[in-house]
Amino acid sequence: MNSAKKAPDWQTQLIHEVMAYIEAHIDQELDFEQISKAHHISMSHFRKLFKEVSGMPPVEYVNRVRILRSLELLQTTRKSIAEIADAVGIQDQNYYARLFKKMIGCSPSYYKSV
């Protein structure tokens, strides 16, 4: 018998809605405290639910979406690295470069040049 608890359907739906919201607003600052309050759940419960449904903490999910979106922009636009970082909601270009390298394995400028 599986001892892992499964989130009720309404909670799973809530997290899927939050994930869609994140993807649609990835260029903006995302306040998980505000999001959890808007859905009438505590921040700790929100984090737990989010990880249970998505398989990762909210911040990790946001970073993953930002880097994946930036990959698209690197491939399809002539925007600078700084413009791309800003377009995915990261104002600090150095932080963006470190995060990109950690997730992708190379720098954004190297990726763009290949």
N, C-alpha and C. Protein backbone atom coordinates (compact mmCIF):
# COMPACT_ATOMS: atom_id res chain seq x y z
N MET A 1 0.83 -1.18 0.00
CA MET A 1 0.00 0.00 0.00
C MET A 1 0.88 1.24 0.00
N ASN A 2 0.57 2.21 -0.82
CA ASN A 2 1.35 3.44 -0.95
C ASN A 2 1.03 4.37 0.21
N SER A 3 2.07 4.76 0.97
CA SER A 3 1.85 5.61 2.13
C SER A 3 1.91 7.10 1.78
N ALA A 4 2.33 7.45 0.58
CA ALA A 4 2.42 8.85 0.18
C ALA A 4 1.02 9.43 0.02
N LYS A 5 0.83 10.62 0.61
CA LYS A 5 -0.48 11.27 0.49
C LYS A 5 -0.55 12.00 -0.83
N LYS A 6 -1.74 11.99 -1.41
CA LYS A 6 -1.97 12.69 -2.66
C LYS A 6 -2.84 13.91 -2.36
N ALA A 7 -2.48 15.04 -2.96
CA ALA A 7 -3.25 16.26 -2.75
C ALA A 7 -4.66 16.08 -3.28
N PRO A 8 -5.66 16.61 -2.55
CA PRO A 8 -7.04 16.58 -3.08
C PRO A 8 -7.09 17.30 -4.43
N ASP A 9 -8.08 16.94 -5.22
CA ASP A 9 -8.19 17.50 -6.57
C ASP A 9 -8.21 19.02 -6.60
N TRP A 10 -8.91 19.66 -5.66
CA TRP A 10 -8.98 21.12 -5.67
C TRP A 10 -7.60 21.73 -5.41
N GLN A 11 -6.80 21.08 -4.59
CA GLN A 11 -5.45 21.59 -4.32
C GLN A 11 -4.54 21.39 -5.53
N THR A 12 -4.67 20.27 -6.19
CA THR A 12 -3.90 20.03 -7.40
C THR A 12 -4.27 21.05 -8.46
N GLN A 13 -5.56 21.30 -8.62
CA GLN A 13 -6.04 22.30 -9.57
C GLN A 13 -5.49 23.68 -9.22
N LEU A 14 -5.49 24.02 -7.94
CA LEU A 14 -4.96 25.31 -7.49
C LEU A 14 -3.50 25.47 -7.90
N ILE A 15 -2.70 24.46 -7.66
CA ILE A 15 -1.28 24.55 -7.99
C ILE A 15 -1.09 24.63 -9.50
N HIS A 16 -1.88 23.91 -10.27
CA HIS A 16 -1.79 24.01 -11.73
C HIS A 16 -2.15 25.42 -12.20
N GLU A 17 -3.13 26.04 -11.54
CA GLU A 17 -3.48 27.42 -11.88
C GLU A 17 -2.34 28.37 -11.53
N VAL A 18 -1.70 28.15 -10.39
CA VAL A 18 -0.57 28.98 -9.99
C VAL A 18 0.59 28.79 -10.98
N MET A 19 0.82 27.57 -11.40
CA MET A 19 1.89 27.31 -12.37
C MET A 19 1.60 28.03 -13.69
N ALA A 20 0.37 28.02 -14.13
CA ALA A 20 -0.01 28.74 -15.36
C ALA A 20 0.18 30.24 -15.16
N TYR A 21 -0.18 30.73 -13.99
CA TYR A 21 0.01 32.15 -13.68
C TYR A 21 1.49 32.52 -13.75
N ILE A 22 2.33 31.69 -13.16
CA ILE A 22 3.78 31.92 -13.17
C ILE A 22 4.28 32.00 -14.61
N GLU A 23 3.89 31.05 -15.43
CA GLU A 23 4.34 31.03 -16.82
C GLU A 23 3.87 32.24 -17.59
N ALA A 24 2.67 32.71 -17.31
CA ALA A 24 2.13 33.88 -18.01
C ALA A 24 2.73 35.20 -17.52
N HIS A 25 3.26 35.20 -16.30
CA HIS A 25 3.79 36.43 -15.70
C HIS A 25 5.26 36.29 -15.31
N ILE A 26 6.00 35.47 -16.05
CA ILE A 26 7.38 35.17 -15.70
C ILE A 26 8.28 36.40 -15.73
N ASP A 27 7.89 37.42 -16.46
CA ASP A 27 8.70 38.62 -16.56
C ASP A 27 8.50 39.56 -15.37
N GLN A 28 7.59 39.21 -14.47
CA GLN A 28 7.28 40.06 -13.33
C GLN A 28 7.82 39.46 -12.04
N GLU A 29 7.88 40.30 -11.01
CA GLU A 29 8.25 39.80 -9.69
C GLU A 29 7.08 38.99 -9.16
N LEU A 30 7.35 37.81 -8.67
CA LEU A 30 6.30 36.92 -8.19
C LEU A 30 6.39 36.83 -6.66
N ASP A 31 5.30 37.11 -6.00
CA ASP A 31 5.24 37.12 -4.54
C ASP A 31 4.41 35.93 -4.08
N PHE A 32 5.09 34.87 -3.64
CA PHE A 32 4.39 33.65 -3.24
C PHE A 32 3.57 33.86 -1.98
N GLU A 33 4.01 34.76 -1.13
CA GLU A 33 3.23 35.08 0.07
C GLU A 33 1.87 35.63 -0.33
N GLN A 34 1.88 36.55 -1.28
CA GLN A 34 0.64 37.15 -1.77
C GLN A 34 -0.23 36.10 -2.48
N ILE A 35 0.40 35.25 -3.26
CA ILE A 35 -0.34 34.20 -3.97
C ILE A 35 -1.00 33.25 -2.98
N SER A 36 -0.27 32.83 -1.94
CA SER A 36 -0.85 31.92 -0.95
C SER A 36 -1.99 32.59 -0.19
N LYS A 37 -1.83 33.87 0.17
CA LYS A 37 -2.91 34.58 0.86
C LYS A 37 -4.14 34.72 -0.03
N ALA A 38 -3.93 34.99 -1.31
CA ALA A 38 -5.06 35.13 -2.23
C ALA A 38 -5.87 33.84 -2.34
N HIS A 39 -5.22 32.71 -2.08
CA HIS A 39 -5.90 31.41 -2.17
C HIS A 39 -6.24 30.86 -0.78
N HIS A 40 -6.06 31.71 0.24
CA HIS A 40 -6.46 31.39 1.61
C HIS A 40 -5.77 30.15 2.18
N ILE A 41 -4.48 30.04 1.88
CA ILE A 41 -3.69 28.96 2.49
C ILE A 41 -2.40 29.58 3.03
N SER A 42 -1.83 28.95 4.02
CA SER A 42 -0.59 29.46 4.61
C SER A 42 0.57 29.27 3.63
N MET A 43 1.60 30.06 3.83
CA MET A 43 2.77 29.96 2.95
C MET A 43 3.42 28.58 3.06
N SER A 44 3.52 28.05 4.26
CA SER A 44 4.14 26.72 4.42
C SER A 44 3.31 25.64 3.74
N HIS A 45 1.99 25.74 3.85
CA HIS A 45 1.13 24.76 3.17
C HIS A 45 1.24 24.92 1.65
N PHE A 46 1.31 26.17 1.19
CA PHE A 46 1.47 26.42 -0.25
C PHE A 46 2.76 25.77 -0.77
N ARG A 47 3.87 26.01 -0.07
CA ARG A 47 5.15 25.41 -0.49
C ARG A 47 5.07 23.88 -0.53
N LYS A 48 4.48 23.30 0.51
CA LYS A 48 4.36 21.84 0.59
C LYS A 48 3.51 21.31 -0.57
N LEU A 49 2.37 21.96 -0.79
CA LEU A 49 1.48 21.56 -1.89
C LEU A 49 2.17 21.70 -3.24
N PHE A 50 2.83 22.84 -3.42
CA PHE A 50 3.48 23.11 -4.69
C PHE A 50 4.51 22.02 -4.99
N LYS A 51 5.33 21.68 -4.01
CA LYS A 51 6.35 20.66 -4.21
C LYS A 51 5.71 19.29 -4.45
N GLU A 52 4.63 19.00 -3.74
CA GLU A 52 3.93 17.72 -3.90
C GLU A 52 3.38 17.58 -5.32
N VAL A 53 2.82 18.66 -5.86
CA VAL A 53 2.19 18.60 -7.18
C VAL A 53 3.20 18.74 -8.31
N SER A 54 4.15 19.67 -8.17
CA SER A 54 5.09 19.95 -9.27
C SER A 54 6.38 19.16 -9.19
N GLY A 55 6.70 18.67 -8.01
CA GLY A 55 7.95 17.94 -7.84
C GLY A 55 9.13 18.82 -7.47
N MET A 56 8.89 20.14 -7.31
CA MET A 56 9.96 21.05 -6.93
C MET A 56 9.40 22.23 -6.16
N PRO A 57 10.24 22.89 -5.37
CA PRO A 57 9.77 24.07 -4.64
C PRO A 57 9.40 25.20 -5.61
N PRO A 58 8.55 26.13 -5.18
CA PRO A 58 8.11 27.21 -6.06
C PRO A 58 9.25 28.02 -6.68
N VAL A 59 10.25 28.36 -5.90
CA VAL A 59 11.35 29.18 -6.41
C VAL A 59 12.12 28.42 -7.50
N GLU A 60 12.34 27.14 -7.28
CA GLU A 60 13.04 26.33 -8.29
C GLU A 60 12.21 26.26 -9.57
N TYR A 61 10.90 26.13 -9.43
CA TYR A 61 10.03 26.09 -10.60
C TYR A 61 10.12 27.40 -11.39
N VAL A 62 10.06 28.52 -10.68
CA VAL A 62 10.15 29.83 -11.33
C VAL A 62 11.48 29.96 -12.05
N ASN A 63 12.57 29.59 -11.40
CA ASN A 63 13.89 29.69 -12.04
C ASN A 63 13.97 28.81 -13.28
N ARG A 64 13.41 27.63 -13.20
CA ARG A 64 13.41 26.72 -14.36
C ARG A 64 12.62 27.33 -15.53
N VAL A 65 11.44 27.86 -15.23
CA VAL A 65 10.63 28.48 -16.29
C VAL A 65 11.37 29.68 -16.88
N ARG A 66 12.00 30.48 -16.03
CA ARG A 66 12.74 31.65 -16.53
C ARG A 66 13.88 31.23 -17.45
N ILE A 67 14.63 30.24 -17.07
CA ILE A 67 15.77 29.82 -17.90
C ILE A 67 15.26 29.17 -19.19
N LEU A 68 14.22 28.36 -19.13
CA LEU A 68 13.69 27.76 -20.36
C LEU A 68 13.16 28.82 -21.31
N ARG A 69 12.49 29.83 -20.77
CA ARG A 69 12.00 30.93 -21.61
C ARG A 69 13.18 31.70 -22.21
N SER A 70 14.23 31.88 -21.42
CA SER A 70 15.39 32.61 -21.94
C SER A 70 16.08 31.81 -23.05
N LEU A 71 16.05 30.50 -22.97
CA LEU A 71 16.62 29.67 -24.05
C LEU A 71 15.90 29.96 -25.36
N GLU A 72 14.57 30.05 -25.28
CA GLU A 72 13.78 30.38 -26.48
C GLU A 72 14.20 31.73 -27.04
N LEU A 73 14.32 32.71 -26.15
CA LEU A 73 14.68 34.07 -26.59
C LEU A 73 16.10 34.12 -27.16
N LEU A 74 17.01 33.37 -26.58
CA LEU A 74 18.38 33.33 -27.10
C LEU A 74 18.40 32.76 -28.52
N GLN A 75 17.52 31.80 -28.79
CA GLN A 75 17.48 31.15 -30.09
C GLN A 75 16.69 31.94 -31.13
N THR A 76 15.72 32.71 -30.69
CA THR A 76 14.79 33.31 -31.65
C THR A 76 14.86 34.82 -31.78
N THR A 77 15.67 35.48 -30.96
CA THR A 77 15.75 36.95 -31.03
C THR A 77 17.20 37.40 -31.11
N ARG A 78 17.36 38.67 -31.39
CA ARG A 78 18.68 39.28 -31.39
C ARG A 78 18.90 40.15 -30.16
N LYS A 79 18.08 39.94 -29.15
CA LYS A 79 18.19 40.71 -27.91
C LYS A 79 19.51 40.41 -27.22
N SER A 80 20.00 41.40 -26.47
CA SER A 80 21.21 41.20 -25.68
C SER A 80 20.90 40.29 -24.50
N ILE A 81 21.95 39.77 -23.88
CA ILE A 81 21.79 38.91 -22.71
C ILE A 81 21.05 39.69 -21.60
N ALA A 82 21.40 40.95 -21.40
CA ALA A 82 20.75 41.77 -20.37
C ALA A 82 19.26 41.95 -20.68
N GLU A 83 18.92 42.17 -21.94
CA GLU A 83 17.52 42.31 -22.33
C GLU A 83 16.75 41.02 -22.11
N ILE A 84 17.39 39.90 -22.40
CA ILE A 84 16.74 38.60 -22.22
C ILE A 84 16.54 38.33 -20.72
N ALA A 85 17.56 38.61 -19.93
CA ALA A 85 17.43 38.43 -18.48
C ALA A 85 16.26 39.25 -17.95
N ASP A 86 16.17 40.49 -18.37
CA ASP A 86 15.07 41.36 -17.95
C ASP A 86 13.73 40.84 -18.45
N ALA A 87 13.71 40.32 -19.66
CA ALA A 87 12.46 39.82 -20.25
C ALA A 87 11.91 38.60 -19.51
N VAL A 88 12.76 37.90 -18.78
CA VAL A 88 12.30 36.75 -18.01
C VAL A 88 12.24 37.05 -16.51
N GLY A 89 12.31 38.33 -16.17
CA GLY A 89 12.11 38.73 -14.78
C GLY A 89 13.33 38.72 -13.89
N ILE A 90 14.52 38.69 -14.48
CA ILE A 90 15.75 38.73 -13.70
C ILE A 90 16.48 40.02 -14.04
N GLN A 91 16.52 40.95 -13.09
CA GLN A 91 17.13 42.24 -13.35
C GLN A 91 18.65 42.23 -13.22
N ASP A 92 19.19 41.29 -12.49
CA ASP A 92 20.65 41.19 -12.29
C ASP A 92 21.24 40.23 -13.32
N GLN A 93 21.96 40.81 -14.29
CA GLN A 93 22.52 40.00 -15.38
C GLN A 93 23.52 38.97 -14.86
N ASN A 94 24.29 39.30 -13.83
CA ASN A 94 25.26 38.35 -13.28
C ASN A 94 24.56 37.16 -12.63
N TYR A 95 23.49 37.44 -11.89
CA TYR A 95 22.70 36.37 -11.29
C TYR A 95 22.10 35.48 -12.38
N TYR A 96 21.58 36.11 -13.43
CA TYR A 96 21.03 35.36 -14.56
C TYR A 96 22.09 34.44 -15.16
N ALA A 97 23.28 34.97 -15.39
CA ALA A 97 24.35 34.16 -15.99
C ALA A 97 24.72 32.99 -15.09
N ARG A 98 24.79 33.22 -13.77
CA ARG A 98 25.12 32.12 -12.85
C ARG A 98 24.02 31.05 -12.84
N LEU A 99 22.78 31.51 -12.79
CA LEU A 99 21.65 30.58 -12.79
C LEU A 99 21.60 29.78 -14.10
N PHE A 100 21.79 30.47 -15.21
CA PHE A 100 21.80 29.83 -16.52
C PHE A 100 22.87 28.75 -16.57
N LYS A 101 24.09 29.11 -16.15
CA LYS A 101 25.20 28.15 -16.21
C LYS A 101 24.94 26.96 -15.30
N LYS A 102 24.36 27.21 -14.13
CA LYS A 102 24.05 26.11 -13.20
C LYS A 102 23.06 25.14 -13.82
N MET A 103 22.05 25.67 -14.52
CA MET A 103 21.00 24.80 -15.08
C MET A 103 21.36 24.20 -16.43
N ILE A 104 22.02 24.97 -17.28
CA ILE A 104 22.28 24.54 -18.65
C ILE A 104 23.69 23.98 -18.84
N GLY A 105 24.63 24.45 -18.04
CA GLY A 105 25.98 23.92 -18.13
C GLY A 105 26.95 24.80 -18.90
N CYS A 106 26.47 25.91 -19.43
CA CYS A 106 27.33 26.86 -20.13
C CYS A 106 26.76 28.26 -19.92
N SER A 107 27.52 29.26 -20.27
CA SER A 107 27.05 30.64 -20.09
C SER A 107 26.03 31.00 -21.17
N PRO A 108 25.18 31.99 -20.91
CA PRO A 108 24.22 32.41 -21.95
C PRO A 108 24.93 32.93 -23.19
N SER A 109 26.05 33.62 -23.03
CA SER A 109 26.76 34.15 -24.20
C SER A 109 27.34 33.02 -25.04
N TYR A 110 27.85 31.98 -24.38
CA TYR A 110 28.36 30.82 -25.13
C TYR A 110 27.19 30.13 -25.86
N TYR A 111 26.10 29.92 -25.17
CA TYR A 111 24.91 29.28 -25.76
C TYR A 111 24.45 30.06 -26.98
N LYS A 112 24.42 31.38 -26.85
CA LYS A 112 23.95 32.23 -27.93
C LYS A 112 24.89 32.16 -29.15
N SER A 113 26.18 31.98 -28.88
CA SER A 113 27.17 31.99 -29.98
C SER A 113 27.21 30.67 -30.75
N VAL A 114 26.70 29.61 -30.18
CA VAL A 114 26.77 28.29 -30.82
C VAL A 114 25.72 28.14 -31.90
